[in-house]
Amino acid sequence: MQALPRTSTTDMEVTSIRLERELKEKLKEFAGDQGYQALVRDILWSYVREKSGEYVLRASRADIHSTIAATSHQEQRCALSGNLIRTGEPILLGLTAQGNLVPIQVESLTA
């Protein structure tokens, strides 16, 4: 998850949200020293960027567990290099440890 610049808490609005106790405990576990509220903000910002089209999932070679051969049906960015993949180009779909399928230029794995 891409970290966002931190906003001072004095510049934030207070919002109340009800969470199941188990969910809150899991968030605390995952957050560690960061604090679960900061983690919840990061998760919400990632969701907003993804839905608005601003989010590009990035990965490293170590994140890729397997690949599937495919063809790009629209322009997109390679998750490893950030290079443009054009419509009609052969690509690989990389399966990450998190279960995401990400577009990869064939050359990005062999370079």
PDB file of N, CA and C in Angstrom:
ATOM      1  N   MET A   1       0.850  -1.168   0.000  1.00  0.00           N
ATOM      2  CA  MET A   1       0.000   0.000   0.000  1.00  0.00           C
ATOM      3  C   MET A   1       0.895   1.229   0.000  1.00  0.00           C
ATOM      4  N   GLN A   2       0.618   2.160  -0.859  1.00  0.00           N
ATOM      5  CA  GLN A   2       1.436   3.347  -0.991  1.00  0.00           C
ATOM      6  C   GLN A   2       1.119   4.318   0.139  1.00  0.00           C
ATOM      7  N   ALA A   3       2.154   4.788   0.848  1.00  0.00           N
ATOM      8  CA  ALA A   3       1.947   5.704   1.960  1.00  0.00           C
ATOM      9  C   ALA A   3       1.616   7.094   1.435  1.00  0.00           C
ATOM     10  N   LEU A   4       0.733   7.753   2.133  1.00  0.00           N
ATOM     11  CA  LEU A   4       0.344   9.114   1.790  1.00  0.00           C
ATOM     12  C   LEU A   4       1.070  10.087   2.693  1.00  0.00           C
ATOM     13  N   PRO A   5       1.259  11.337   2.232  1.00  0.00           N
ATOM     14  CA  PRO A   5       1.832  12.332   3.133  1.00  0.00           C
ATOM     15  C   PRO A   5       0.918  12.488   4.342  1.00  0.00           C
ATOM     16  N   ARG A   6       1.497  12.618   5.494  1.00  0.00           N
ATOM     17  CA  ARG A   6       0.721  12.710   6.727  1.00  0.00           C
ATOM     18  C   ARG A   6       0.154  14.106   6.912  1.00  0.00           C
ATOM     19  N   THR A   7      -1.121  14.169   7.261  1.00  0.00           N
ATOM     20  CA  THR A   7      -1.802  15.407   7.593  1.00  0.00           C
ATOM     21  C   THR A   7      -1.847  15.511   9.098  1.00  0.00           C
ATOM     22  N   SER A   8      -1.630  16.691   9.628  1.00  0.00           N
ATOM     23  CA  SER A   8      -1.719  16.896  11.072  1.00  0.00           C
ATOM     24  C   SER A   8      -3.132  16.549  11.532  1.00  0.00           C
ATOM     25  N   THR A   9      -3.241  15.883  12.657  1.00  0.00           N
ATOM     26  CA  THR A   9      -4.568  15.511  13.158  1.00  0.00           C
ATOM     27  C   THR A   9      -5.413  16.741  13.489  1.00  0.00           C
ATOM     28  N   THR A  10      -4.782  17.891  13.731  1.00  0.00           N
ATOM     29  CA  THR A  10      -5.562  19.108  13.983  1.00  0.00           C
ATOM     30  C   THR A  10      -6.258  19.600  12.714  1.00  0.00           C
ATOM     31  N   ASP A  11      -5.785  19.139  11.536  1.00  0.00           N
ATOM     32  CA  ASP A  11      -6.402  19.514  10.262  1.00  0.00           C
ATOM     33  C   ASP A  11      -7.436  18.492   9.796  1.00  0.00           C
ATOM     34  N   MET A  12      -7.717  17.487  10.628  1.00  0.00           N
ATOM     35  CA  MET A  12      -8.673  16.439  10.260  1.00  0.00           C
ATOM     36  C   MET A  12     -10.001  16.669  10.974  1.00  0.00           C
ATOM     37  N   GLU A  13     -11.050  16.133  10.381  1.00  0.00           N
ATOM     38  CA  GLU A  13     -12.366  16.177  11.016  1.00  0.00           C
ATOM     39  C   GLU A  13     -12.576  14.897  11.811  1.00  0.00           C
ATOM     40  N   VAL A  14     -13.229  15.028  12.948  1.00  0.00           N
ATOM     41  CA  VAL A  14     -13.531  13.863  13.770  1.00  0.00           C
ATOM     42  C   VAL A  14     -14.751  13.164  13.184  1.00  0.00           C
ATOM     43  N   THR A  15     -14.625  11.850  12.988  1.00  0.00           N
ATOM     44  CA  THR A  15     -15.714  11.035  12.450  1.00  0.00           C
ATOM     45  C   THR A  15     -15.847   9.797  13.313  1.00  0.00           C
ATOM     46  N   SER A  16     -17.065   9.435  13.597  1.00  0.00           N
ATOM     47  CA  SER A  16     -17.310   8.230  14.375  1.00  0.00           C
ATOM     48  C   SER A  16     -17.726   7.108  13.433  1.00  0.00           C
ATOM     49  N   ILE A  17     -17.147   5.936  13.639  1.00  0.00           N
ATOM     50  CA  ILE A  17     -17.502   4.773  12.838  1.00  0.00           C
ATOM     51  C   ILE A  17     -17.596   3.573  13.779  1.00  0.00           C
ATOM     52  N   ARG A  18     -18.589   2.761  13.563  1.00  0.00           N
ATOM     53  CA  ARG A  18     -18.752   1.569  14.394  1.00  0.00           C
ATOM     54  C   ARG A  18     -18.127   0.382  13.675  1.00  0.00           C
ATOM     55  N   LEU A  19     -17.260  -0.317  14.391  1.00  0.00           N
ATOM     56  CA  LEU A  19     -16.578  -1.490  13.863  1.00  0.00           C
ATOM     57  C   LEU A  19     -16.835  -2.675  14.782  1.00  0.00           C
ATOM     58  N   GLU A  20     -16.919  -3.841  14.190  1.00  0.00           N
ATOM     59  CA  GLU A  20     -17.002  -5.040  15.003  1.00  0.00           C
ATOM     60  C   GLU A  20     -15.727  -5.145  15.830  1.00  0.00           C
ATOM     61  N   ARG A  21     -15.849  -5.635  17.038  1.00  0.00           N
ATOM     62  CA  ARG A  21     -14.694  -5.751  17.934  1.00  0.00           C
ATOM     63  C   ARG A  21     -13.575  -6.571  17.283  1.00  0.00           C
ATOM     64  N   GLU A  22     -13.943  -7.679  16.637  1.00  0.00           N
ATOM     65  CA  GLU A  22     -12.943  -8.544  15.996  1.00  0.00           C
ATOM     66  C   GLU A  22     -12.198  -7.801  14.880  1.00  0.00           C
ATOM     67  N   LEU A  23     -12.938  -7.004  14.089  1.00  0.00           N
ATOM     68  CA  LEU A  23     -12.314  -6.228  13.022  1.00  0.00           C
ATOM     69  C   LEU A  23     -11.334  -5.213  13.607  1.00  0.00           C
ATOM     70  N   LYS A  24     -11.748  -4.514  14.646  1.00  0.00           N
ATOM     71  CA  LYS A  24     -10.885  -3.516  15.267  1.00  0.00           C
ATOM     72  C   LYS A  24      -9.613  -4.163  15.823  1.00  0.00           C
ATOM     73  N   GLU A  25      -9.735  -5.321  16.441  1.00  0.00           N
ATOM     74  CA  GLU A  25      -8.572  -6.021  16.980  1.00  0.00           C
ATOM     75  C   GLU A  25      -7.620  -6.455  15.858  1.00  0.00           C
ATOM     76  N   LYS A  26      -8.173  -6.933  14.745  1.00  0.00           N
ATOM     77  CA  LYS A  26      -7.338  -7.320  13.599  1.00  0.00           C
ATOM     78  C   LYS A  26      -6.607  -6.103  13.031  1.00  0.00           C
ATOM     79  N   LEU A  27      -7.315  -4.984  12.912  1.00  0.00           N
ATOM     80  CA  LEU A  27      -6.685  -3.762  12.412  1.00  0.00           C
ATOM     81  C   LEU A  27      -5.544  -3.328  13.328  1.00  0.00           C
ATOM     82  N   LYS A  28      -5.753  -3.412  14.626  1.00  0.00           N
ATOM     83  CA  LYS A  28      -4.692  -3.067  15.580  1.00  0.00           C
ATOM     84  C   LYS A  28      -3.493  -3.992  15.409  1.00  0.00           C
ATOM     85  N   GLU A  29      -3.780  -5.274  15.199  1.00  0.00           N
ATOM     86  CA  GLU A  29      -2.725  -6.266  14.997  1.00  0.00           C
ATOM     87  C   GLU A  29      -1.909  -5.944  13.750  1.00  0.00           C
ATOM     88  N   PHE A  30      -2.589  -5.636  12.648  1.00  0.00           N
ATOM     89  CA  PHE A  30      -1.909  -5.333  11.387  1.00  0.00           C
ATOM     90  C   PHE A  30      -1.159  -4.002  11.447  1.00  0.00           C
ATOM     91  N   ALA A  31      -1.691  -3.039  12.186  1.00  0.00           N
ATOM     92  CA  ALA A  31      -1.133  -1.691  12.212  1.00  0.00           C
ATOM     93  C   ALA A  31       0.176  -1.609  12.981  1.00  0.00           C
ATOM     94  N   GLY A  32       0.317  -2.412  14.010  1.00  0.00           N
ATOM     95  CA  GLY A  32       1.534  -2.347  14.827  1.00  0.00           C
ATOM     96  C   GLY A  32       1.721  -0.963  15.416  1.00  0.00           C
ATOM     97  N   ASP A  33       2.935  -0.423  15.288  1.00  0.00           N
ATOM     98  CA  ASP A  33       3.258   0.885  15.867  1.00  0.00           C
ATOM     99  C   ASP A  33       2.581   2.044  15.154  1.00  0.00           C
ATOM    100  N   GLN A  34       2.086   1.807  13.932  1.00  0.00           N
ATOM    101  CA  GLN A  34       1.453   2.861  13.140  1.00  0.00           C
ATOM    102  C   GLN A  34       0.139   3.315  13.788  1.00  0.00           C
ATOM    103  N   GLY A  35      -0.552   2.419  14.451  1.00  0.00           N
ATOM    104  CA  GLY A  35      -1.863   2.735  15.019  1.00  0.00           C
ATOM    105  C   GLY A  35      -2.959   2.389  14.028  1.00  0.00           C
ATOM    106  N   TYR A  36      -4.034   1.824  14.526  1.00  0.00           N
ATOM    107  CA  TYR A  36      -5.069   1.329  13.613  1.00  0.00           C
ATOM    108  C   TYR A  36      -5.831   2.452  12.919  1.00  0.00           C
ATOM    109  N   GLN A  37      -5.963   3.621  13.526  1.00  0.00           N
ATOM    110  CA  GLN A  37      -6.682   4.708  12.856  1.00  0.00           C
ATOM    111  C   GLN A  37      -5.925   5.180  11.623  1.00  0.00           C
ATOM    112  N   ALA A  38      -4.598   5.260  11.723  1.00  0.00           N
ATOM    113  CA  ALA A  38      -3.786   5.632  10.552  1.00  0.00           C
ATOM    114  C   ALA A  38      -3.912   4.569   9.465  1.00  0.00           C
ATOM    115  N   LEU A  39      -3.945   3.302   9.875  1.00  0.00           N
ATOM    116  CA  LEU A  39      -4.125   2.217   8.908  1.00  0.00           C
ATOM    117  C   LEU A  39      -5.480   2.319   8.218  1.00  0.00           C
ATOM    118  N   VAL A  40      -6.522   2.608   8.969  1.00  0.00           N
ATOM    119  CA  VAL A  40      -7.866   2.763   8.389  1.00  0.00           C
ATOM    120  C   VAL A  40      -7.863   3.917   7.383  1.00  0.00           C
ATOM    121  N   ARG A  41      -7.210   5.034   7.709  1.00  0.00           N
ATOM    122  CA  ARG A  41      -7.110   6.156   6.754  1.00  0.00           C
ATOM    123  C   ARG A  41      -6.393   5.726   5.479  1.00  0.00           C
ATOM    124  N   ASP A  42      -5.272   4.979   5.615  1.00  0.00           N
ATOM    125  CA  ASP A  42      -4.536   4.497   4.438  1.00  0.00           C
ATOM    126  C   ASP A  42      -5.414   3.595   3.573  1.00  0.00           C
ATOM    127  N   ILE A  43      -6.163   2.707   4.222  1.00  0.00           N
ATOM    128  CA  ILE A  43      -7.054   1.803   3.490  1.00  0.00           C
ATOM    129  C   ILE A  43      -8.130   2.600   2.756  1.00  0.00           C
ATOM    130  N   LEU A  44      -8.715   3.582   3.415  1.00  0.00           N
ATOM    131  CA  LEU A  44      -9.758   4.394   2.785  1.00  0.00           C
ATOM    132  C   LEU A  44      -9.197   5.230   1.634  1.00  0.00           C
ATOM    133  N   TRP A  45      -8.010   5.802   1.807  1.00  0.00           N
ATOM    134  CA  TRP A  45      -7.393   6.566   0.711  1.00  0.00           C
ATOM    135  C   TRP A  45      -7.082   5.663  -0.475  1.00  0.00           C
ATOM    136  N   SER A  46      -6.608   4.453  -0.235  1.00  0.00           N
ATOM    137  CA  SER A  46      -6.343   3.508  -1.329  1.00  0.00           C
ATOM    138  C   SER A  46      -7.623   3.207  -2.092  1.00  0.00           C
ATOM    139  N   TYR A  47      -8.706   3.019  -1.371  1.00  0.00           N
ATOM    140  CA  TYR A  47     -10.005   2.749  -1.994  1.00  0.00           C
ATOM    141  C   TYR A  47     -10.439   3.934  -2.856  1.00  0.00           C
ATOM    142  N   VAL A  48     -10.302   5.140  -2.332  1.00  0.00           N
ATOM    143  CA  VAL A  48     -10.692   6.349  -3.070  1.00  0.00           C
ATOM    144  C   VAL A  48      -9.835   6.513  -4.327  1.00  0.00           C
ATOM    145  N   ARG A  49      -8.503   6.307  -4.220  1.00  0.00           N
ATOM    146  CA  ARG A  49      -7.623   6.430  -5.392  1.00  0.00           C
ATOM    147  C   ARG A  49      -7.969   5.376  -6.441  1.00  0.00           C
ATOM    148  N   GLU A  50      -8.250   4.147  -5.993  1.00  0.00           N
ATOM    149  CA  GLU A  50      -8.602   3.083  -6.934  1.00  0.00           C
ATOM    150  C   GLU A  50      -9.892   3.409  -7.667  1.00  0.00           C
ATOM    151  N   LYS A  51     -10.904   3.851  -6.952  1.00  0.00           N
ATOM    152  CA  LYS A  51     -12.207   4.153  -7.564  1.00  0.00           C
ATOM    153  C   LYS A  51     -12.144   5.385  -8.459  1.00  0.00           C
ATOM    154  N   SER A  52     -11.229   6.309  -8.175  1.00  0.00           N
ATOM    155  CA  SER A  52     -11.132   7.529  -8.975  1.00  0.00           C
ATOM    156  C   SER A  52     -10.208   7.349 -10.182  1.00  0.00           C
ATOM    157  N   GLY A  53      -9.545   6.196 -10.288  1.00  0.00           N
ATOM    158  CA  GLY A  53      -8.645   5.952 -11.410  1.00  0.00           C
ATOM    159  C   GLY A  53      -7.241   6.469 -11.178  1.00  0.00           C
ATOM    160  N   GLU A  54      -6.945   6.999  -9.989  1.00  0.00           N
ATOM    161  CA  GLU A  54      -5.626   7.548  -9.690  1.00  0.00           C
ATOM    162  C   GLU A  54      -4.640   6.476  -9.224  1.00  0.00           C
ATOM    163  N   TYR A  55      -5.142   5.329  -8.858  1.00  0.00           N
ATOM    164  CA  TYR A  55      -4.320   4.295  -8.220  1.00  0.00           C
ATOM    165  C   TYR A  55      -3.747   3.342  -9.258  1.00  0.00           C
ATOM    166  N   VAL A  56      -2.452   3.114  -9.196  1.00  0.00           N
ATOM    167  CA  VAL A  56      -1.797   2.131 -10.041  1.00  0.00           C
ATOM    168  C   VAL A  56      -1.116   1.138  -9.102  1.00  0.00           C
ATOM    169  N   LEU A  57      -1.541  -0.108  -9.146  1.00  0.00           N
ATOM    170  CA  LEU A  57      -0.966  -1.128  -8.289  1.00  0.00           C
ATOM    171  C   LEU A  57       0.461  -1.414  -8.732  1.00  0.00           C
ATOM    172  N   ARG A  58       1.400  -1.287  -7.824  1.00  0.00           N
ATOM    173  CA  ARG A  58       2.809  -1.568  -8.117  1.00  0.00           C
ATOM    174  C   ARG A  58       3.213  -2.837  -7.388  1.00  0.00           C
ATOM    175  N   ALA A  59       4.183  -3.535  -7.947  1.00  0.00           N
ATOM    176  CA  ALA A  59       4.661  -4.780  -7.366  1.00  0.00           C
ATOM    177  C   ALA A  59       6.158  -4.901  -7.621  1.00  0.00           C
ATOM    178  N   SER A  60       6.792  -5.785  -6.887  1.00  0.00           N
ATOM    179  CA  SER A  60       8.194  -6.121  -7.141  1.00  0.00           C
ATOM    180  C   SER A  60       8.240  -7.549  -7.664  1.00  0.00           C
ATOM    181  N   ARG A  61       9.372  -7.937  -8.207  1.00  0.00           N
ATOM    182  CA  ARG A  61       9.496  -9.319  -8.715  1.00  0.00           C
ATOM    183  C   ARG A  61       9.201 -10.330  -7.622  1.00  0.00           C
ATOM    184  N   ALA A  62       9.621 -10.033  -6.402  1.00  0.00           N
ATOM    185  CA  ALA A  62       9.409 -10.956  -5.286  1.00  0.00           C
ATOM    186  C   ALA A  62       7.924 -11.135  -4.962  1.00  0.00           C
ATOM    187  N   ASP A  63       7.098 -10.147  -5.323  1.00  0.00           N
ATOM    188  CA  ASP A  63       5.656 -10.221  -5.068  1.00  0.00           C
ATOM    189  C   ASP A  63       4.940 -11.177  -6.019  1.00  0.00           C
ATOM    190  N   ILE A  64       5.553 -11.454  -7.181  1.00  0.00           N
ATOM    191  CA  ILE A  64       4.889 -12.239  -8.218  1.00  0.00           C
ATOM    192  C   ILE A  64       5.096 -13.730  -7.955  1.00  0.00           C
ATOM    193  N   HIS A  65       3.997 -14.455  -7.726  1.00  0.00           N
ATOM    194  CA  HIS A  65       4.075 -15.886  -7.442  1.00  0.00           C
ATOM    195  C   HIS A  65       3.906 -16.739  -8.687  1.00  0.00           C
ATOM    196  N   SER A  66       3.118 -16.274  -9.651  1.00  0.00           N
ATOM    197  CA  SER A  66       2.932 -16.998 -10.906  1.00  0.00           C
ATOM    198  C   SER A  66       2.423 -16.016 -11.950  1.00  0.00           C
ATOM    199  N   THR A  67       2.489 -16.432 -13.213  1.00  0.00           N
ATOM    200  CA  THR A  67       2.029 -15.566 -14.301  1.00  0.00           C
ATOM    201  C   THR A  67       1.155 -16.350 -15.274  1.00  0.00           C
ATOM    202  N   ILE A  68       0.313 -15.591 -15.975  1.00  0.00           N
ATOM    203  CA  ILE A  68      -0.572 -16.137 -17.000  1.00  0.00           C
ATOM    204  C   ILE A  68      -0.369 -15.285 -18.254  1.00  0.00           C
ATOM    205  N   ALA A  69      -0.184 -15.917 -19.391  1.00  0.00           N
ATOM    206  CA  ALA A  69      -0.035 -15.176 -20.653  1.00  0.00           C
ATOM    207  C   ALA A  69      -1.377 -14.556 -21.028  1.00  0.00           C
ATOM    208  N   ALA A  70      -1.338 -13.317 -21.526  1.00  0.00           N
ATOM    209  CA  ALA A  70      -2.564 -12.610 -21.895  1.00  0.00           C
ATOM    210  C   ALA A  70      -2.251 -11.572 -22.970  1.00  0.00           C
ATOM    211  N   THR A  71      -3.272 -10.875 -23.407  1.00  0.00           N
ATOM    212  CA  THR A  71      -3.141  -9.771 -24.356  1.00  0.00           C
ATOM    213  C   THR A  71      -3.819  -8.553 -23.750  1.00  0.00           C
ATOM    214  N   SER A  72      -3.154  -7.418 -23.842  1.00  0.00           N
ATOM    215  CA  SER A  72      -3.726  -6.179 -23.309  1.00  0.00           C
ATOM    216  C   SER A  72      -4.864  -5.702 -24.211  1.00  0.00           C
ATOM    217  N   HIS A  73      -5.995  -5.401 -23.618  1.00  0.00           N
ATOM    218  CA  HIS A  73      -7.144  -4.888 -24.376  1.00  0.00           C
ATOM    219  C   HIS A  73      -7.338  -3.389 -24.186  1.00  0.00           C
ATOM    220  N   GLN A  74      -6.464  -2.791 -23.391  1.00  0.00           N
ATOM    221  CA  GLN A  74      -6.480  -1.340 -23.240  1.00  0.00           C
ATOM    222  C   GLN A  74      -5.115  -0.903 -22.725  1.00  0.00           C
ATOM    223  N   GLU A  75      -4.790   0.378 -22.899  1.00  0.00           N
ATOM    224  CA  GLU A  75      -3.517   0.881 -22.395  1.00  0.00           C
ATOM    225  C   GLU A  75      -3.522   0.815 -20.874  1.00  0.00           C
ATOM    226  N   GLN A  76      -2.384   0.416 -20.329  1.00  0.00           N
ATOM    227  CA  GLN A  76      -2.232   0.331 -18.879  1.00  0.00           C
ATOM    228  C   GLN A  76      -0.754   0.399 -18.549  1.00  0.00           C
ATOM    229  N   ARG A  77      -0.417   0.387 -17.302  1.00  0.00           N
ATOM    230  CA  ARG A  77       0.978   0.471 -16.863  1.00  0.00           C
ATOM    231  C   ARG A  77       1.447  -0.856 -16.286  1.00  0.00           C
ATOM    232  N   CYS A  78       2.689  -1.202 -16.595  1.00  0.00           N
ATOM    233  CA  CYS A  78       3.306  -2.401 -16.044  1.00  0.00           C
ATOM    234  C   CYS A  78       3.484  -2.214 -14.540  1.00  0.00           C
ATOM    235  N   ALA A  79       3.057  -3.202 -13.755  1.00  0.00           N
ATOM    236  CA  ALA A  79       3.136  -3.114 -12.294  1.00  0.00           C
ATOM    237  C   ALA A  79       4.575  -3.165 -11.787  1.00  0.00           C
ATOM    238  N   LEU A  80       5.499  -3.674 -12.589  1.00  0.00           N
ATOM    239  CA  LEU A  80       6.899  -3.744 -12.165  1.00  0.00           C
ATOM    240  C   LEU A  80       7.691  -2.514 -12.576  1.00  0.00           C
ATOM    241  N   SER A  81       7.556  -2.115 -13.833  1.00  0.00           N
ATOM    242  CA  SER A  81       8.387  -1.027 -14.361  1.00  0.00           C
ATOM    243  C   SER A  81       7.673   0.313 -14.425  1.00  0.00           C
ATOM    244  N   GLY A  82       6.351   0.290 -14.482  1.00  0.00           N
ATOM    245  CA  GLY A  82       5.591   1.527 -14.677  1.00  0.00           C
ATOM    246  C   GLY A  82       5.502   1.933 -16.133  1.00  0.00           C
ATOM    247  N   ASN A  83       6.133   1.155 -17.033  1.00  0.00           N
ATOM    248  CA  ASN A  83       6.108   1.464 -18.470  1.00  0.00           C
ATOM    249  C   ASN A  83       4.711   1.248 -19.048  1.00  0.00           C
ATOM    250  N   LEU A  84       4.427   2.001 -20.089  1.00  0.00           N
ATOM    251  CA  LEU A  84       3.144   1.893 -20.764  1.00  0.00           C
ATOM    252  C   LEU A  84       3.037   0.570 -21.519  1.00  0.00           C
ATOM    253  N   ILE A  85       1.907  -0.090 -21.366  1.00  0.00           N
ATOM    254  CA  ILE A  85       1.573  -1.289 -22.140  1.00  0.00           C
ATOM    255  C   ILE A  85       0.477  -0.861 -23.106  1.00  0.00           C
ATOM    256  N   ARG A  86       0.706  -1.054 -24.387  1.00  0.00           N
ATOM    257  CA  ARG A  86      -0.262  -0.610 -25.394  1.00  0.00           C
ATOM    258  C   ARG A  86      -1.303  -1.683 -25.683  1.00  0.00           C
ATOM    259  N   THR A  87      -2.437  -1.247 -26.184  1.00  0.00           N
ATOM    260  CA  THR A  87      -3.502  -2.155 -26.598  1.00  0.00           C
ATOM    261  C   THR A  87      -2.970  -3.156 -27.616  1.00  0.00           C
ATOM    262  N   GLY A  88      -3.299  -4.432 -27.436  1.00  0.00           N
ATOM    263  CA  GLY A  88      -2.894  -5.478 -28.359  1.00  0.00           C
ATOM    264  C   GLY A  88      -1.555  -6.125 -28.056  1.00  0.00           C
ATOM    265  N   GLU A  89      -0.789  -5.560 -27.121  1.00  0.00           N
ATOM    266  CA  GLU A  89       0.516  -6.142 -26.788  1.00  0.00           C
ATOM    267  C   GLU A  89       0.347  -7.411 -25.958  1.00  0.00           C
ATOM    268  N   PRO A  90       1.237  -8.410 -26.191  1.00  0.00           N
ATOM    269  CA  PRO A  90       1.222  -9.572 -25.298  1.00  0.00           C
ATOM    270  C   PRO A  90       1.751  -9.145 -23.934  1.00  0.00           C
ATOM    271  N   ILE A  91       1.110  -9.615 -22.892  1.00  0.00           N
ATOM    272  CA  ILE A  91       1.513  -9.290 -21.524  1.00  0.00           C
ATOM    273  C   ILE A  91       1.429 -10.550 -20.670  1.00  0.00           C
ATOM    274  N   LEU A  92       1.848 -10.418 -19.452  1.00  0.00           N
ATOM    275  CA  LEU A  92       1.650 -11.449 -18.444  1.00  0.00           C
ATOM    276  C   LEU A  92       0.772 -10.855 -17.353  1.00  0.00           C
ATOM    277  N   LEU A  93      -0.098 -11.648 -16.805  1.00  0.00           N
ATOM    278  CA  LEU A  93      -0.831 -11.258 -15.608  1.00  0.00           C
ATOM    279  C   LEU A  93      -0.121 -11.929 -14.450  1.00  0.00           C
ATOM    280  N   GLY A  94       0.409 -11.140 -13.545  1.00  0.00           N
ATOM    281  CA  GLY A  94       1.152 -11.672 -12.418  1.00  0.00           C
ATOM    282  C   GLY A  94       0.255 -11.804 -11.207  1.00  0.00           C
ATOM    283  N   LEU A  95       0.261 -12.965 -10.579  1.00  0.00           N
ATOM    284  CA  LEU A  95      -0.498 -13.191  -9.353  1.00  0.00           C
ATOM    285  C   LEU A  95       0.394 -12.856  -8.172  1.00  0.00           C
ATOM    286  N   THR A  96      -0.037 -11.900  -7.349  1.00  0.00           N
ATOM    287  CA  THR A  96       0.765 -11.483  -6.200  1.00  0.00           C
ATOM    288  C   THR A  96       0.385 -12.287  -4.959  1.00  0.00           C
ATOM    289  N   ALA A  97       1.201 -12.161  -3.949  1.00  0.00           N
ATOM    290  CA  ALA A  97       0.952 -12.846  -2.678  1.00  0.00           C
ATOM    291  C   ALA A  97      -0.372 -12.400  -2.065  1.00  0.00           C
ATOM    292  N   GLN A  98      -0.819 -11.184  -2.391  1.00  0.00           N
ATOM    293  CA  GLN A  98      -2.081 -10.657  -1.863  1.00  0.00           C
ATOM    294  C   GLN A  98      -3.280 -11.101  -2.695  1.00  0.00           C
ATOM    295  N   GLY A  99      -3.028 -11.844  -3.765  1.00  0.00           N
ATOM    296  CA  GLY A  99      -4.117 -12.336  -4.604  1.00  0.00           C
ATOM    297  C   GLY A  99      -4.541 -11.383  -5.703  1.00  0.00           C
ATOM    298  N   ASN A 100      -3.742 -10.358  -5.962  1.00  0.00           N
ATOM    299  CA  ASN A 100      -4.043  -9.419  -7.038  1.00  0.00           C
ATOM    300  C   ASN A 100      -3.438  -9.909  -8.345  1.00  0.00           C
ATOM    301  N   LEU A 101      -4.148  -9.686  -9.451  1.00  0.00           N
ATOM    302  CA  LEU A 101      -3.585  -9.911 -10.777  1.00  0.00           C
ATOM    303  C   LEU A 101      -3.119  -8.566 -11.307  1.00  0.00           C
ATOM    304  N   VAL A 102      -1.841  -8.475 -11.640  1.00  0.00           N
ATOM    305  CA  VAL A 102      -1.283  -7.206 -12.100  1.00  0.00           C
ATOM    306  C   VAL A 102      -0.700  -7.372 -13.496  1.00  0.00           C
ATOM    307  N   PRO A 103      -0.816  -6.331 -14.348  1.00  0.00           N
ATOM    308  CA  PRO A 103      -0.259  -6.404 -15.705  1.00  0.00           C
ATOM    309  C   PRO A 103       1.262  -6.266 -15.682  1.00  0.00           C
ATOM    310  N   ILE A 104       1.928  -7.137 -16.443  1.00  0.00           N
ATOM    311  CA  ILE A 104       3.386  -7.118 -16.489  1.00  0.00           C
ATOM    312  C   ILE A 104       3.840  -7.239 -17.939  1.00  0.00           C
ATOM    313  N   GLN A 105       4.759  -6.372 -18.350  1.00  0.00           N
ATOM    314  CA  GLN A 105       5.404  -6.524 -19.647  1.00  0.00           C
ATOM    315  C   GLN A 105       6.342  -7.720 -19.552  1.00  0.00           C
ATOM    316  N   VAL A 106       6.342  -8.545 -20.574  1.00  0.00           N
ATOM    317  CA  VAL A 106       7.172  -9.752 -20.574  1.00  0.00           C
ATOM    318  C   VAL A 106       8.626  -9.393 -20.287  1.00  0.00           C
ATOM    319  N   GLU A 107       9.117  -8.315 -20.888  1.00  0.00           N
ATOM    320  CA  GLU A 107      10.512  -7.895 -20.722  1.00  0.00           C
ATOM    321  C   GLU A 107      10.839  -7.536 -19.288  1.00  0.00           C
ATOM    322  N   SER A 108       9.856  -7.122 -18.500  1.00  0.00           N
ATOM    323  CA  SER A 108      10.106  -6.708 -17.118  1.00  0.00           C
ATOM    324  C   SER A 108      10.529  -7.860 -16.232  1.00  0.00           C
ATOM    325  N   LEU A 109      10.130  -9.068 -16.562  1.00  0.00           N
ATOM    326  CA  LEU A 109      10.524 -10.225 -15.758  1.00  0.00           C
ATOM    327  C   LEU A 109      11.846 -10.823 -16.213  1.00  0.00           C
ATOM    328  N   THR A 110      12.217 -10.572 -17.463  1.00  0.00           N
ATOM    329  CA  THR A 110      13.444 -11.157 -17.996  1.00  0.00           C
ATOM    330  C   THR A 110      14.624 -10.206 -17.926  1.00  0.00           C
ATOM    331  N   ALA A 111      14.363  -8.931 -17.682  1.00  0.00           N
ATOM    332  CA  ALA A 111      15.454  -7.917 -17.666  1.00  0.00           C
ATOM    333  C   ALA A 111      16.263  -7.988 -16.402  1.00  0.00           C
TER     334      ALA A 111
END
